Amino acid sequence: MEKVGINIEKMQEMINTPLVPPPDWIRKWQTEAEHLLYLAHTAKEAGDLERLKEVDGEAERIVASRKSKTES
C-alpha cells in the first residue's frame, strides 16, 4: 500500500525548523509551504485522496528545493 503524506510531513518539519541567519529566499519558500500544508489539510478533511497525492508531490518538490539551497 502506498503511503501518502510523507513529503507533507517532511515539509511541515522544515517549516518548524528555522534557518539562522535566514536566507533571502526563505520567506517565499515558507509562504508556499504553508499554502501547501493548508491544501493538504483541506484535502484530508474532504477525503480527497487524489488531491492529497498531488499536494504530496508538490511538497516533495519544495522539500528538495530547500535541501538543495541549504546544502550548497
C-alpha atoms as a PDB file:
ATOM      1  CA  MET A   1       0.000   0.000   0.000  1.00  0.00           C
ATOM      2  CA  GLU A   2       1.264   3.426  -0.981  1.00  0.00           C
ATOM      3  CA  LYS A   3       1.848   5.806   1.904  1.00  0.00           C
ATOM      4  CA  VAL A   4       0.638   9.329   1.163  1.00  0.00           C
ATOM      5  CA  GLY A   5       1.821  12.361   3.064  1.00  0.00           C
ATOM      6  CA  ILE A   6       5.455  11.552   3.793  1.00  0.00           C
ATOM      7  CA  ASN A   7       6.645  14.643   1.933  1.00  0.00           C
ATOM      8  CA  ILE A   8       3.985  16.778   3.581  1.00  0.00           C
ATOM      9  CA  GLU A   9       5.325  15.661   6.969  1.00  0.00           C
ATOM     10  CA  LYS A  10       8.905  16.480   5.925  1.00  0.00           C
ATOM     11  CA  MET A  11       7.767  19.867   4.682  1.00  0.00           C
ATOM     12  CA  GLN A  12       6.000  20.584   7.976  1.00  0.00           C
ATOM     13  CA  GLU A  13       9.168  19.723   9.899  1.00  0.00           C
ATOM     14  CA  MET A  14      11.101  22.135   7.683  1.00  0.00           C
ATOM     15  CA  ILE A  15       8.527  24.872   8.278  1.00  0.00           C
ATOM     16  CA  ASN A  16       9.192  24.494  12.012  1.00  0.00           C
ATOM     17  CA  THR A  17      12.987  24.395  11.617  1.00  0.00           C
ATOM     18  CA  PRO A  18      14.416  27.918  11.430  1.00  0.00           C
ATOM     19  CA  LEU A  19      17.481  28.778   9.424  1.00  0.00           C
ATOM     20  CA  VAL A  20      19.877  31.127  11.200  1.00  0.00           C
ATOM     21  CA  PRO A  21      20.589  33.534   9.694  1.00  0.00           C
ATOM     22  CA  PRO A  22      17.508  33.402   7.468  1.00  0.00           C
ATOM     23  CA  PRO A  23      18.411  33.467   3.761  1.00  0.00           C
ATOM     24  CA  ASP A  24      16.674  35.870   1.372  1.00  0.00           C
ATOM     25  CA  TRP A  25      14.594  33.136  -0.291  1.00  0.00           C
ATOM     26  CA  ILE A  26      13.170  31.575   2.904  1.00  0.00           C
ATOM     27  CA  ARG A  27      10.143  33.857   3.235  1.00  0.00           C
ATOM     28  CA  LYS A  28       8.873  32.901  -0.226  1.00  0.00           C
ATOM     29  CA  TRP A  29       9.575  29.220   0.467  1.00  0.00           C
ATOM     30  CA  GLN A  30       7.767  29.408   3.819  1.00  0.00           C
ATOM     31  CA  THR A  31       4.702  31.015   2.245  1.00  0.00           C
ATOM     32  CA  GLU A  32       4.476  28.324  -0.432  1.00  0.00           C
ATOM     33  CA  ALA A  33       4.992  25.547   2.118  1.00  0.00           C
ATOM     34  CA  GLU A  34       2.293  26.894   4.425  1.00  0.00           C
ATOM     35  CA  HIS A  35      -0.120  27.149   1.475  1.00  0.00           C
ATOM     36  CA  LEU A  36       0.574  23.525   0.535  1.00  0.00           C
ATOM     37  CA  LEU A  37       0.064  22.492   4.140  1.00  0.00           C
ATOM     38  CA  TYR A  38      -3.333  24.210   4.109  1.00  0.00           C
ATOM     39  CA  LEU A  39      -4.249  22.418   0.852  1.00  0.00           C
ATOM     40  CA  ALA A  40      -3.194  19.105   2.390  1.00  0.00           C
ATOM     41  CA  HIS A  41      -5.408  19.635   5.432  1.00  0.00           C
ATOM     42  CA  THR A  42      -8.325  20.651   3.219  1.00  0.00           C
ATOM     43  CA  ALA A  43      -7.898  17.572   1.009  1.00  0.00           C
ATOM     44  CA  LYS A  44      -7.625  15.312   4.051  1.00  0.00           C
ATOM     45  CA  GLU A  45     -10.790  16.723   5.613  1.00  0.00           C
ATOM     46  CA  ALA A  46     -12.644  16.293   2.310  1.00  0.00           C
ATOM     47  CA  GLY A  47     -11.356  12.740   1.925  1.00  0.00           C
ATOM     48  CA  ASP A  48      -9.857  13.654  -1.472  1.00  0.00           C
ATOM     49  CA  LEU A  49      -7.012  11.155  -1.819  1.00  0.00           C
ATOM     50  CA  GLU A  50      -6.125  12.210  -5.375  1.00  0.00           C
ATOM     51  CA  ARG A  51      -5.716  15.846  -4.339  1.00  0.00           C
ATOM     52  CA  LEU A  52      -3.699  14.767  -1.311  1.00  0.00           C
ATOM     53  CA  LYS A  53      -1.362  12.821  -3.616  1.00  0.00           C
ATOM     54  CA  GLU A  54      -0.938  15.915  -5.810  1.00  0.00           C
ATOM     55  CA  VAL A  55      -0.121  18.089  -2.806  1.00  0.00           C
ATOM     56  CA  ASP A  56       2.349  15.462  -1.557  1.00  0.00           C
ATOM     57  CA  GLY A  57       4.087  15.617  -4.939  1.00  0.00           C
ATOM     58  CA  GLU A  58       4.335  19.395  -4.701  1.00  0.00           C
ATOM     59  CA  ALA A  59       5.649  19.054  -1.153  1.00  0.00           C
ATOM     60  CA  GLU A  60       8.343  16.704  -2.441  1.00  0.00           C
ATOM     61  CA  ARG A  61       9.402  19.375  -4.933  1.00  0.00           C
ATOM     62  CA  ILE A  62       9.768  22.161  -2.389  1.00  0.00           C
ATOM     63  CA  VAL A  63      11.435  19.899   0.195  1.00  0.00           C
ATOM     64  CA  ALA A  64      14.055  19.067  -2.445  1.00  0.00           C
ATOM     65  CA  SER A  65      14.345  22.756  -3.306  1.00  0.00           C
ATOM     66  CA  ARG A  66      15.090  23.737   0.304  1.00  0.00           C
ATOM     67  CA  LYS A  67      17.542  20.874   0.732  1.00  0.00           C
ATOM     68  CA  SER A  68      19.450  21.855  -2.410  1.00  0.00           C
ATOM     69  CA  LYS A  69      19.614  25.508  -1.364  1.00  0.00           C
ATOM     70  CA  THR A  70      20.795  24.761   2.177  1.00  0.00           C
ATOM     71  CA  GLU A  71      23.328  22.125   1.185  1.00  0.00           C
ATOM     72  CA  SER A  72      25.116  24.268  -1.378  1.00  0.00           C
END
